[in-house]
Amino acid sequence: MHSPLLKLDLNLLLVFDSLYRHGSVAEAANEVALSPSAFSHALNRLRATLNDPLFVRAGGRMVPTAKAKSIATGIAAALNSLTASLHPQAVFEPAKSSQTFTFAVTDYTAAVILPALISRVNQLAPGISLKLVYSREFNADDDLLSGKVDFALGFEEEQKLQKRGIETITCFTDGYVVAVRRGHPVIQHQLTRQAYLDAGHVVVRPWMETRGVIDRYLESQQVRRRIVVELPSLMIAPIIVSRSDLVITLPKRGISSVFDMKDLVVFTPPFPTPQYNLKAYYSQTLSNSAGHVWMREQIMAISDA
């Protein structure tokens, strides 16, 4: 049934998984308690078994090959499952824990939920740490399944096919609003469809996608808005909007969390927009981890608040 495994020393999978996550022989070797020389020897054995170099050195890092990328998620999931099966979970005591949870985020998704979560966690479990890394895609499936991150904060404006092995928590649902600076020369007391289309727009594209849900809707109506500034990050958008006549369309909670509301006038979009659903994604392989269960409970607690 498992004949391919008969040719493989399963300990080599630990070597592979560690190097894939760290990208450094020294760091990976330290994690699996091997000398760099012994680690390199183990890696060469795995290369020979799988008939692929698996990792190549580039710019001081060990970069995975296409084959390594294709098997990394499955190996990480299998190792997590084995660990959970062989070692029953100890009682999790939040107040005594020093566990670190890694979240994949954008600056927007971090701003609208993490301040409340960090405040709650710090009160209940001051020894727990949260590490934030930038998300490379809307729900960071591969990073979740490989174990690089514990949670990914992403959003869904339309129903997407969820990758197998990923679970979600819906944090909140929001609607879109349009914001302009107070004292805008044209848009003051109302926002018409034509004024919206005539205005210059600031658009935030965290994953540099070619177009978002707003533009797809407008194109379906055979019209387009005039995009003047495209940003990979939300960070400087408040400064741009407050110092120009440009407008921005964002979920309402994002506007109230990041912008100075006294500088803005906010309108309902002059056309139908979808609901914005912020979700926390996590891997099924961690669903029974006591610490992970506790952190999910904290996310749900602030989501219901």
C-alpha atoms as a PDB file:
ATOM      1  CA  MET A   1       0.000   0.000   0.000  1.00  0.00           C
ATOM      2  CA  HIS A   2       2.854   2.382   0.856  1.00  0.00           C
ATOM      3  CA  SER A   3       5.502   0.821  -1.388  1.00  0.00           C
ATOM      4  CA  PRO A   4       7.176   4.152  -2.386  1.00  0.00           C
ATOM      5  CA  LEU A   5       7.943   4.724   1.313  1.00  0.00           C
ATOM      6  CA  LEU A   6       9.911   1.485   1.560  1.00  0.00           C
ATOM      7  CA  LYS A   7      12.769   3.181  -0.324  1.00  0.00           C
ATOM      8  CA  LEU A   8      12.703   6.287   1.838  1.00  0.00           C
ATOM      9  CA  ASP A   9      14.072   7.071   5.284  1.00  0.00           C
ATOM     10  CA  LEU A  10      11.124   9.018   6.717  1.00  0.00           C
ATOM     11  CA  ASN A  11      13.478  11.108   8.861  1.00  0.00           C
ATOM     12  CA  LEU A  12      14.581  12.755   5.634  1.00  0.00           C
ATOM     13  CA  LEU A  13      11.137  14.310   5.356  1.00  0.00           C
ATOM     14  CA  LEU A  14      11.892  16.282   8.523  1.00  0.00           C
ATOM     15  CA  VAL A  15      15.045  17.555   6.835  1.00  0.00           C
ATOM     16  CA  PHE A  16      13.071  18.557   3.760  1.00  0.00           C
ATOM     17  CA  ASP A  17      10.302  20.292   5.712  1.00  0.00           C
ATOM     18  CA  SER A  18      12.707  22.271   7.868  1.00  0.00           C
ATOM     19  CA  LEU A  19      14.789  23.477   4.915  1.00  0.00           C
ATOM     20  CA  TYR A  20      11.659  24.399   2.971  1.00  0.00           C
ATOM     21  CA  ARG A  21      10.426  26.590   5.830  1.00  0.00           C
ATOM     22  CA  HIS A  22      13.748  28.206   6.731  1.00  0.00           C
ATOM     23  CA  GLY A  23      15.546  28.407   3.379  1.00  0.00           C
ATOM     24  CA  SER A  24      18.831  28.069   5.272  1.00  0.00           C
ATOM     25  CA  VAL A  25      20.880  24.931   5.917  1.00  0.00           C
ATOM     26  CA  ALA A  26      22.273  26.356   9.163  1.00  0.00           C
ATOM     27  CA  GLU A  27      18.845  27.253  10.571  1.00  0.00           C
ATOM     28  CA  ALA A  28      17.233  24.006   9.423  1.00  0.00           C
ATOM     29  CA  ALA A  29      20.101  21.904  10.761  1.00  0.00           C
ATOM     30  CA  ASN A  30      19.789  23.608  14.129  1.00  0.00           C
ATOM     31  CA  GLU A  31      16.049  22.904  14.232  1.00  0.00           C
ATOM     32  CA  VAL A  32      16.459  19.159  13.580  1.00  0.00           C
ATOM     33  CA  ALA A  33      19.546  18.891  15.838  1.00  0.00           C
ATOM     34  CA  LEU A  34      22.042  17.967  13.114  1.00  0.00           C
ATOM     35  CA  SER A  35      25.381  19.451  12.223  1.00  0.00           C
ATOM     36  CA  PRO A  36      25.399  21.344   8.895  1.00  0.00           C
ATOM     37  CA  SER A  37      27.556  18.556   7.448  1.00  0.00           C
ATOM     38  CA  ALA A  38      25.180  15.804   8.571  1.00  0.00           C
ATOM     39  CA  PHE A  39      22.230  17.856   7.343  1.00  0.00           C
ATOM     40  CA  SER A  40      23.800  18.262   3.890  1.00  0.00           C
ATOM     41  CA  HIS A  41      24.507  14.526   3.768  1.00  0.00           C
ATOM     42  CA  ALA A  42      20.855  13.779   4.612  1.00  0.00           C
ATOM     43  CA  LEU A  43      19.690  16.221   1.958  1.00  0.00           C
ATOM     44  CA  ASN A  44      21.868  14.527  -0.651  1.00  0.00           C
ATOM     45  CA  ARG A  45      20.348  11.164   0.244  1.00  0.00           C
ATOM     46  CA  LEU A  46      16.873  12.599  -0.238  1.00  0.00           C
ATOM     47  CA  ARG A  47      17.906  14.153  -3.560  1.00  0.00           C
ATOM     48  CA  ALA A  48      19.126  10.780  -4.754  1.00  0.00           C
ATOM     49  CA  THR A  49      15.961   9.016  -3.613  1.00  0.00           C
ATOM     50  CA  LEU A  50      13.641  11.521  -5.292  1.00  0.00           C
ATOM     51  CA  ASN A  51      15.899  12.087  -8.303  1.00  0.00           C
ATOM     52  CA  ASP A  52      15.687  15.881  -8.031  1.00  0.00           C
ATOM     53  CA  PRO A  53      17.983  18.580  -6.585  1.00  0.00           C
ATOM     54  CA  LEU A  54      15.007  19.825  -4.483  1.00  0.00           C
ATOM     55  CA  PHE A  55      16.838  23.014  -3.404  1.00  0.00           C
ATOM     56  CA  VAL A  56      19.342  25.208  -5.218  1.00  0.00           C
ATOM     57  CA  ARG A  57      21.432  27.978  -3.729  1.00  0.00           C
ATOM     58  CA  ALA A  58      20.521  31.498  -4.846  1.00  0.00           C
ATOM     59  CA  GLY A  59      21.545  34.719  -3.172  1.00  0.00           C
ATOM     60  CA  GLY A  60      22.590  33.008   0.035  1.00  0.00           C
ATOM     61  CA  ARG A  61      19.277  31.120   0.360  1.00  0.00           C
ATOM     62  CA  MET A  62      18.217  27.600  -0.535  1.00  0.00           C
ATOM     63  CA  VAL A  63      15.414  27.987  -3.082  1.00  0.00           C
ATOM     64  CA  PRO A  64      13.018  25.052  -3.681  1.00  0.00           C
ATOM     65  CA  THR A  65      12.712  23.536  -7.143  1.00  0.00           C
ATOM     66  CA  ALA A  66       9.380  23.008  -8.857  1.00  0.00           C
ATOM     67  CA  LYS A  67       9.252  19.429  -7.553  1.00  0.00           C
ATOM     68  CA  ALA A  68      10.003  20.575  -3.999  1.00  0.00           C
ATOM     69  CA  LYS A  69       7.185  23.118  -4.183  1.00  0.00           C
ATOM     70  CA  SER A  70       4.788  20.473  -5.473  1.00  0.00           C
ATOM     71  CA  ILE A  71       5.422  18.072  -2.567  1.00  0.00           C
ATOM     72  CA  ALA A  72       6.020  20.528   0.293  1.00  0.00           C
ATOM     73  CA  THR A  73       2.388  21.003   1.286  1.00  0.00           C
ATOM     74  CA  GLY A  74       1.666  17.281   1.413  1.00  0.00           C
ATOM     75  CA  ILE A  75       4.805  16.544   3.433  1.00  0.00           C
ATOM     76  CA  ALA A  76       4.029  19.291   5.965  1.00  0.00           C
ATOM     77  CA  ALA A  77       0.458  18.065   6.368  1.00  0.00           C
ATOM     78  CA  ALA A  78       1.613  14.465   6.830  1.00  0.00           C
ATOM     79  CA  LEU A  79       4.199  15.438   9.448  1.00  0.00           C
ATOM     80  CA  ASN A  80       1.665  17.545  11.360  1.00  0.00           C
ATOM     81  CA  SER A  81      -0.805  14.677  11.296  1.00  0.00           C
ATOM     82  CA  LEU A  82       1.803  12.188  12.538  1.00  0.00           C
ATOM     83  CA  THR A  83       2.863  14.508  15.333  1.00  0.00           C
ATOM     84  CA  ALA A  84      -0.715  14.977  16.476  1.00  0.00           C
ATOM     85  CA  SER A  85      -1.362  11.208  16.346  1.00  0.00           C
ATOM     86  CA  LEU A  86       1.753  10.194  18.270  1.00  0.00           C
ATOM     87  CA  HIS A  87       1.667  12.890  20.936  1.00  0.00           C
ATOM     88  CA  PRO A  88      -1.690  13.510  22.623  1.00  0.00           C
ATOM     89  CA  GLN A  89      -2.261  17.177  23.279  1.00  0.00           C
ATOM     90  CA  ALA A  90      -1.298  18.453  26.701  1.00  0.00           C
ATOM     91  CA  VAL A  91      -3.664  20.749  28.563  1.00  0.00           C
ATOM     92  CA  PHE A  92      -3.236  24.255  27.197  1.00  0.00           C
ATOM     93  CA  GLU A  93      -2.879  26.934  29.844  1.00  0.00           C
ATOM     94  CA  PRO A  94      -3.049  30.331  28.114  1.00  0.00           C
ATOM     95  CA  ALA A  95      -1.777  32.306  31.100  1.00  0.00           C
ATOM     96  CA  LYS A  96       1.389  30.173  31.224  1.00  0.00           C
ATOM     97  CA  SER A  97       1.934  29.696  27.479  1.00  0.00           C
ATOM     98  CA  SER A  98       4.811  31.267  25.548  1.00  0.00           C
ATOM     99  CA  GLN A  99       3.614  29.992  22.171  1.00  0.00           C
ATOM    100  CA  THR A 100       4.032  32.104  19.038  1.00  0.00           C
ATOM    101  CA  PHE A 101       1.272  32.266  16.429  1.00  0.00           C
ATOM    102  CA  THR A 102       2.111  33.436  12.924  1.00  0.00           C
ATOM    103  CA  PHE A 103      -0.480  35.373  10.915  1.00  0.00           C
ATOM    104  CA  ALA A 104      -0.279  36.091   7.187  1.00  0.00           C
ATOM    105  CA  VAL A 105      -1.848  39.523   6.642  1.00  0.00           C
ATOM    106  CA  THR A 106      -2.036  42.613   4.511  1.00  0.00           C
ATOM    107  CA  ASP A 107      -1.809  45.986   6.228  1.00  0.00           C
ATOM    108  CA  TYR A 108      -5.571  46.351   5.694  1.00  0.00           C
ATOM    109  CA  THR A 109      -6.598  42.978   7.140  1.00  0.00           C
ATOM    110  CA  ALA A 110      -4.208  43.518  10.055  1.00  0.00           C
ATOM    111  CA  ALA A 111      -5.573  46.989  10.815  1.00  0.00           C
ATOM    112  CA  VAL A 112      -9.237  46.013  10.968  1.00  0.00           C
ATOM    113  CA  ILE A 113      -8.967  43.059  13.336  1.00  0.00           C
ATOM    114  CA  LEU A 114      -5.556  42.606  14.959  1.00  0.00           C
ATOM    115  CA  PRO A 115      -5.586  45.561  17.397  1.00  0.00           C
ATOM    116  CA  ALA A 116      -8.624  44.060  19.140  1.00  0.00           C
ATOM    117  CA  LEU A 117      -7.203  40.535  18.991  1.00  0.00           C
ATOM    118  CA  ILE A 118      -3.794  41.566  20.338  1.00  0.00           C
ATOM    119  CA  SER A 119      -5.406  43.502  23.183  1.00  0.00           C
ATOM    120  CA  ARG A 120      -7.506  40.496  24.170  1.00  0.00           C
ATOM    121  CA  VAL A 121      -4.666  37.968  23.905  1.00  0.00           C
ATOM    122  CA  ASN A 122      -2.298  40.214  25.856  1.00  0.00           C
ATOM    123  CA  GLN A 123      -4.786  40.435  28.712  1.00  0.00           C
ATOM    124  CA  LEU A 124      -5.544  36.712  28.849  1.00  0.00           C
ATOM    125  CA  ALA A 125      -2.144  35.278  27.918  1.00  0.00           C
ATOM    126  CA  PRO A 126       0.661  37.850  28.213  1.00  0.00           C
ATOM    127  CA  GLY A 127       3.335  35.286  27.343  1.00  0.00           C
ATOM    128  CA  ILE A 128       1.861  34.502  23.917  1.00  0.00           C
ATOM    129  CA  SER A 129       3.397  36.251  20.898  1.00  0.00           C
ATOM    130  CA  LEU A 130       1.873  37.095  17.527  1.00  0.00           C
ATOM    131  CA  LYS A 131       4.156  37.278  14.499  1.00  0.00           C
ATOM    132  CA  LEU A 132       2.849  38.993  11.361  1.00  0.00           C
ATOM    133  CA  VAL A 133       4.099  38.248   7.856  1.00  0.00           C
ATOM    134  CA  TYR A 134       2.806  39.715   4.627  1.00  0.00           C
ATOM    135  CA  SER A 135       0.398  37.482   2.757  1.00  0.00           C
ATOM    136  CA  ARG A 136       1.490  36.602  -0.772  1.00  0.00           C
ATOM    137  CA  GLU A 137      -2.018  35.734  -1.929  1.00  0.00           C
ATOM    138  CA  PHE A 138      -5.554  36.351  -0.776  1.00  0.00           C
ATOM    139  CA  ASN A 139      -5.756  33.373   1.595  1.00  0.00           C
ATOM    140  CA  ALA A 140      -2.152  32.027   1.692  1.00  0.00           C
ATOM    141  CA  ASP A 141      -3.234  28.407   1.121  1.00  0.00           C
ATOM    142  CA  ASP A 142       0.252  27.036   0.512  1.00  0.00           C
ATOM    143  CA  ASP A 143       1.754  28.771   3.544  1.00  0.00           C
ATOM    144  CA  LEU A 144      -1.058  27.418   5.726  1.00  0.00           C
ATOM    145  CA  LEU A 145      -0.801  23.856   4.465  1.00  0.00           C
ATOM    146  CA  SER A 146       3.000  23.826   4.703  1.00  0.00           C
ATOM    147  CA  GLY A 147       2.871  25.070   8.289  1.00  0.00           C
ATOM    148  CA  LYS A 148       4.650  28.373   7.629  1.00  0.00           C
ATOM    149  CA  VAL A 149       1.730  30.289   9.143  1.00  0.00           C
ATOM    150  CA  ASP A 150      -0.995  29.427  11.645  1.00  0.00           C
ATOM    151  CA  PHE A 151      -3.643  31.790  10.307  1.00  0.00           C
ATOM    152  CA  ALA A 152      -4.158  33.904   7.211  1.00  0.00           C
ATOM    153  CA  LEU A 153      -6.407  36.943   7.263  1.00  0.00           C
ATOM    154  CA  GLY A 154      -8.017  37.391   3.877  1.00  0.00           C
ATOM    155  CA  PHE A 155     -11.214  38.556   2.316  1.00  0.00           C
ATOM    156  CA  GLU A 156     -13.820  37.201  -0.023  1.00  0.00           C
ATOM    157  CA  GLU A 157     -16.049  39.449  -2.090  1.00  0.00           C
ATOM    158  CA  GLU A 158     -17.205  36.570  -4.224  1.00  0.00           C
ATOM    159  CA  GLN A 159     -17.493  32.866  -3.500  1.00  0.00           C
ATOM    160  CA  LYS A 160     -14.165  31.173  -4.170  1.00  0.00           C
ATOM    161  CA  LEU A 161     -13.396  27.482  -4.405  1.00  0.00           C
ATOM    162  CA  GLN A 162     -11.624  26.666  -1.158  1.00  0.00           C
ATOM    163  CA  LYS A 163      -8.533  24.495  -1.337  1.00  0.00           C
ATOM    164  CA  ARG A 164      -8.927  21.130   0.328  1.00  0.00           C
ATOM    165  CA  GLY A 165      -7.605  21.053   3.885  1.00  0.00           C
ATOM    166  CA  ILE A 166      -8.370  24.727   4.670  1.00  0.00           C
ATOM    167  CA  GLU A 167     -10.995  25.842   7.193  1.00  0.00           C
ATOM    168  CA  THR A 168     -12.314  29.364   7.762  1.00  0.00           C
ATOM    169  CA  ILE A 169     -13.717  31.644  10.441  1.00  0.00           C
ATOM    170  CA  THR A 170     -15.859  34.550   9.242  1.00  0.00           C
ATOM    171  CA  CYS A 171     -14.693  37.561  11.250  1.00  0.00           C
ATOM    172  CA  PHE A 172     -17.116  40.152   9.921  1.00  0.00           C
ATOM    173  CA  THR A 173     -19.144  41.182   6.893  1.00  0.00           C
ATOM    174  CA  ASP A 174     -18.999  44.756   5.683  1.00  0.00           C
ATOM    175  CA  GLY A 175     -20.212  47.008   2.894  1.00  0.00           C
ATOM    176  CA  TYR A 176     -18.237  49.329   0.654  1.00  0.00           C
ATOM    177  CA  VAL A 177     -18.151  53.104   1.003  1.00  0.00           C
ATOM    178  CA  VAL A 178     -16.565  55.898  -1.023  1.00  0.00           C
ATOM    179  CA  ALA A 179     -14.450  58.496   0.798  1.00  0.00           C
ATOM    180  CA  VAL A 180     -13.234  61.934  -0.299  1.00  0.00           C
ATOM    181  CA  ARG A 181     -11.512  64.716   1.599  1.00  0.00           C
ATOM    182  CA  ARG A 182     -13.692  67.204   3.381  1.00  0.00           C
ATOM    183  CA  GLY A 183     -13.945  70.325   1.203  1.00  0.00           C
ATOM    184  CA  HIS A 184     -13.678  68.416  -2.076  1.00  0.00           C
ATOM    185  CA  PRO A 185     -14.400  70.934  -4.881  1.00  0.00           C
ATOM    186  CA  VAL A 186     -16.927  68.705  -6.690  1.00  0.00           C
ATOM    187  CA  ILE A 187     -18.151  65.941  -4.382  1.00  0.00           C
ATOM    188  CA  GLN A 188     -19.673  67.573  -1.316  1.00  0.00           C
ATOM    189  CA  HIS A 189     -23.237  66.663  -0.333  1.00  0.00           C
ATOM    190  CA  GLN A 190     -24.001  63.791  -2.670  1.00  0.00           C
ATOM    191  CA  LEU A 191     -22.181  61.353  -4.914  1.00  0.00           C
ATOM    192  CA  THR A 192     -23.669  60.636  -8.318  1.00  0.00           C
ATOM    193  CA  ARG A 193     -22.612  57.833 -10.595  1.00  0.00           C
ATOM    194  CA  GLN A 194     -21.209  60.318 -13.104  1.00  0.00           C
ATOM    195  CA  ALA A 195     -19.230  62.192 -10.438  1.00  0.00           C
ATOM    196  CA  TYR A 196     -17.789  58.873  -9.299  1.00  0.00           C
ATOM    197  CA  LEU A 197     -16.722  57.956 -12.828  1.00  0.00           C
ATOM    198  CA  ASP A 198     -15.295  61.426 -13.508  1.00  0.00           C
ATOM    199  CA  ALA A 199     -13.190  61.498 -10.343  1.00  0.00           C
ATOM    200  CA  GLY A 200      -9.641  60.231 -10.079  1.00  0.00           C
ATOM    201  CA  HIS A 201      -9.325  57.107  -7.941  1.00  0.00           C
ATOM    202  CA  VAL A 202      -6.843  55.610  -5.507  1.00  0.00           C
ATOM    203  CA  VAL A 203      -6.915  51.800  -5.650  1.00  0.00           C
ATOM    204  CA  VAL A 204      -5.190  49.433  -3.228  1.00  0.00           C
ATOM    205  CA  ARG A 205      -4.139  46.104  -4.746  1.00  0.00           C
ATOM    206  CA  PRO A 206      -2.210  44.126  -2.080  1.00  0.00           C
ATOM    207  CA  TRP A 207      -1.472  41.245  -4.459  1.00  0.00           C
ATOM    208  CA  MET A 208      -1.181  43.501  -7.540  1.00  0.00           C
ATOM    209  CA  GLU A 209      -4.169  41.852  -9.191  1.00  0.00           C
ATOM    210  CA  THR A 210      -5.145  43.466 -12.484  1.00  0.00           C
ATOM    211  CA  ARG A 211      -8.617  44.442 -11.286  1.00  0.00           C
ATOM    212  CA  GLY A 212     -10.841  44.046  -8.288  1.00  0.00           C
ATOM    213  CA  VAL A 213     -14.544  43.469  -7.757  1.00  0.00           C
ATOM    214  CA  ILE A 214     -15.445  47.156  -8.204  1.00  0.00           C
ATOM    215  CA  ASP A 215     -13.770  47.340 -11.601  1.00  0.00           C
ATOM    216  CA  ARG A 216     -15.279  44.055 -12.708  1.00  0.00           C
ATOM    217  CA  TYR A 217     -18.752  45.362 -11.911  1.00  0.00           C
ATOM    218  CA  LEU A 218     -18.174  48.665 -13.727  1.00  0.00           C
ATOM    219  CA  GLU A 219     -16.844  46.840 -16.780  1.00  0.00           C
ATOM    220  CA  SER A 220     -19.990  44.684 -16.786  1.00  0.00           C
ATOM    221  CA  GLN A 221     -21.889  47.972 -17.157  1.00  0.00           C
ATOM    222  CA  GLN A 222     -19.517  48.988 -19.964  1.00  0.00           C
ATOM    223  CA  VAL A 223     -17.998  51.865 -18.003  1.00  0.00           C
ATOM    224  CA  ARG A 224     -14.643  52.345 -16.311  1.00  0.00           C
ATOM    225  CA  ARG A 225     -13.380  54.537 -13.517  1.00  0.00           C
ATOM    226  CA  ARG A 226     -10.242  56.642 -13.889  1.00  0.00           C
ATOM    227  CA  ILE A 227      -7.541  55.080 -11.734  1.00  0.00           C
ATOM    228  CA  VAL A 228      -4.822  57.611 -10.947  1.00  0.00           C
ATOM    229  CA  VAL A 229      -2.867  55.815  -8.212  1.00  0.00           C
ATOM    230  CA  GLU A 230      -2.423  52.069  -7.651  1.00  0.00           C
ATOM    231  CA  LEU A 231      -0.917  51.034  -4.322  1.00  0.00           C
ATOM    232  CA  PRO A 232       0.354  47.663  -3.052  1.00  0.00           C
ATOM    233  CA  SER A 233      -0.310  48.826   0.503  1.00  0.00           C
ATOM    234  CA  LEU A 234      -2.963  50.828   2.306  1.00  0.00           C
ATOM    235  CA  MET A 235      -0.424  52.672   4.442  1.00  0.00           C
ATOM    236  CA  ILE A 236      -0.120  55.938   2.483  1.00  0.00           C
ATOM    237  CA  ALA A 237      -3.670  55.979   1.077  1.00  0.00           C
ATOM    238  CA  PRO A 238      -5.028  58.207   3.905  1.00  0.00           C
ATOM    239  CA  ILE A 239      -2.337  60.814   3.218  1.00  0.00           C
ATOM    240  CA  ILE A 240      -3.000  60.778  -0.523  1.00  0.00           C
ATOM    241  CA  VAL A 241      -6.777  61.146  -0.145  1.00  0.00           C
ATOM    242  CA  SER A 242      -6.537  63.887   2.505  1.00  0.00           C
ATOM    243  CA  ARG A 243      -4.161  65.966   0.347  1.00  0.00           C
ATOM    244  CA  SER A 244      -5.762  65.555  -3.072  1.00  0.00           C
ATOM    245  CA  ASP A 245      -9.105  65.472  -4.858  1.00  0.00           C
ATOM    246  CA  LEU A 246      -8.825  61.724  -5.423  1.00  0.00           C
ATOM    247  CA  VAL A 247     -11.434  59.314  -4.050  1.00  0.00           C
ATOM    248  CA  ILE A 248     -11.103  55.830  -2.591  1.00  0.00           C
ATOM    249  CA  THR A 249     -13.554  52.929  -2.358  1.00  0.00           C
ATOM    250  CA  LEU A 250     -13.029  50.555   0.574  1.00  0.00           C
ATOM    251  CA  PRO A 251     -15.031  48.497   3.055  1.00  0.00           C
ATOM    252  CA  LYS A 252     -16.513  50.753   5.734  1.00  0.00           C
ATOM    253  CA  ARG A 253     -14.528  49.259   8.601  1.00  0.00           C
ATOM    254  CA  GLY A 254     -11.287  49.851   6.738  1.00  0.00           C
ATOM    255  CA  ILE A 255     -12.078  53.523   6.331  1.00  0.00           C
ATOM    256  CA  SER A 256     -12.973  53.969  10.009  1.00  0.00           C
ATOM    257  CA  SER A 257      -9.966  51.939  11.220  1.00  0.00           C
ATOM    258  CA  VAL A 258      -7.221  53.533   9.131  1.00  0.00           C
ATOM    259  CA  PHE A 259      -8.372  57.015   8.073  1.00  0.00           C
ATOM    260  CA  ASP A 260      -8.893  60.131  10.168  1.00  0.00           C
ATOM    261  CA  MET A 261     -12.665  60.470   9.874  1.00  0.00           C
ATOM    262  CA  LYS A 262     -12.719  64.198  10.651  1.00  0.00           C
ATOM    263  CA  ASP A 263     -10.883  64.796   7.365  1.00  0.00           C
ATOM    264  CA  LEU A 264     -13.338  62.789   5.258  1.00  0.00           C
ATOM    265  CA  VAL A 265     -16.809  62.766   3.793  1.00  0.00           C
ATOM    266  CA  VAL A 266     -18.122  59.237   3.252  1.00  0.00           C
ATOM    267  CA  PHE A 267     -20.790  58.163   0.736  1.00  0.00           C
ATOM    268  CA  THR A 268     -22.627  55.007  -0.210  1.00  0.00           C
ATOM    269  CA  PRO A 269     -21.434  53.894  -3.671  1.00  0.00           C
ATOM    270  CA  PRO A 270     -23.820  55.039  -6.446  1.00  0.00           C
ATOM    271  CA  PHE A 271     -24.123  51.469  -7.729  1.00  0.00           C
ATOM    272  CA  PRO A 272     -24.551  48.010  -6.144  1.00  0.00           C
ATOM    273  CA  THR A 273     -21.461  46.452  -4.582  1.00  0.00           C
ATOM    274  CA  PRO A 274     -20.927  42.993  -3.061  1.00  0.00           C
ATOM    275  CA  GLN A 275     -20.471  42.401   0.638  1.00  0.00           C
ATOM    276  CA  TYR A 276     -16.930  42.203   1.929  1.00  0.00           C
ATOM    277  CA  ASN A 277     -16.252  39.144   4.106  1.00  0.00           C
ATOM    278  CA  LEU A 278     -13.101  39.142   6.206  1.00  0.00           C
ATOM    279  CA  LYS A 279     -12.068  35.608   7.105  1.00  0.00           C
ATOM    280  CA  ALA A 280      -9.392  33.877   9.110  1.00  0.00           C
ATOM    281  CA  TYR A 281      -8.095  30.790   7.292  1.00  0.00           C
ATOM    282  CA  TYR A 282      -6.322  27.865   8.957  1.00  0.00           C
ATOM    283  CA  SER A 283      -5.192  24.340   8.139  1.00  0.00           C
ATOM    284  CA  GLN A 284      -7.253  21.319   9.169  1.00  0.00           C
ATOM    285  CA  THR A 285      -4.043  19.693  10.416  1.00  0.00           C
ATOM    286  CA  LEU A 286      -4.043  22.147  13.338  1.00  0.00           C
ATOM    287  CA  SER A 287      -7.740  21.844  14.107  1.00  0.00           C
ATOM    288  CA  ASN A 288      -7.142  19.690  17.204  1.00  0.00           C
ATOM    289  CA  SER A 289      -4.145  21.575  18.588  1.00  0.00           C
ATOM    290  CA  ALA A 290      -5.180  22.912  22.003  1.00  0.00           C
ATOM    291  CA  GLY A 291      -3.326  26.188  21.557  1.00  0.00           C
ATOM    292  CA  HIS A 292      -4.719  26.667  18.084  1.00  0.00           C
ATOM    293  CA  VAL A 293      -8.257  25.946  19.303  1.00  0.00           C
ATOM    294  CA  TRP A 294      -7.804  28.593  22.001  1.00  0.00           C
ATOM    295  CA  MET A 295      -6.591  31.203  19.489  1.00  0.00           C
ATOM    296  CA  ARG A 296      -9.546  30.449  17.213  1.00  0.00           C
ATOM    297  CA  GLU A 297     -11.848  31.050  20.189  1.00  0.00           C
ATOM    298  CA  GLN A 298     -10.254  34.475  20.708  1.00  0.00           C
ATOM    299  CA  ILE A 299     -10.713  35.367  17.027  1.00  0.00           C
ATOM    300  CA  MET A 300     -14.366  34.368  17.227  1.00  0.00           C
ATOM    301  CA  ALA A 301     -14.818  36.334  20.457  1.00  0.00           C
ATOM    302  CA  ILE A 302     -13.647  39.613  18.944  1.00  0.00           C
ATOM    303  CA  SER A 303     -15.538  38.867  15.744  1.00  0.00           C
ATOM    304  CA  ASP A 304     -18.811  38.621  17.690  1.00  0.00           C
ATOM    305  CA  ALA A 305     -18.101  41.802  19.665  1.00  0.00           C
END
